[in-house]
Amino acid sequence: MVVGSLLLCGSAVGTDDWFPLGPFRMFTNRANPSGRVRVVTLEAVDAAGRARTIRPPDVGLRHAELEGQLPRFQAQPALLEAVADAYASVHPDRPPLVSLELRERVRRIEDNVLSDEVSERTVSTWTVGR
């Protein structure tokens, strides 16, 4: 009875701080059916001249960590050198990266339908020796 009362009270007036006896807002709110979907990618060229897409886990990052640092990478492109160094330490058997390009691709969603229209921009570029 006590736990049930706490859950009922927490659901009625509680905040996220009351979790698990109150709502956890990310699960209680409905997502907007219209908006934008943003995908950040790392495009690289290695010392052998091969172009490749680098996934954030390939450099020891999560996607959200990379996306959260977009303003810093844009303001200081030299920070991408640390990403290239992380790639070399995670993949010592592969040729090192000589350039990295951080790109952002955005697609619109209208009424839960993904648009075919894609906008893409380069956020930051790093080249070895620059």
Foldseek 3Di string as FASTA:
>chain_A
DVLVVLLVVQDVDNDCVSPPSHDDVVVVDDDDQKDKDKFKWKWFAFPVGDIDIDDQVLLPHDRVVVVVCLVVCLVPVVVCVSSQVSNCVSCVPDGGTFKIWMKMKMWIGDRNRTDPDIDMDTRHMDGPPD
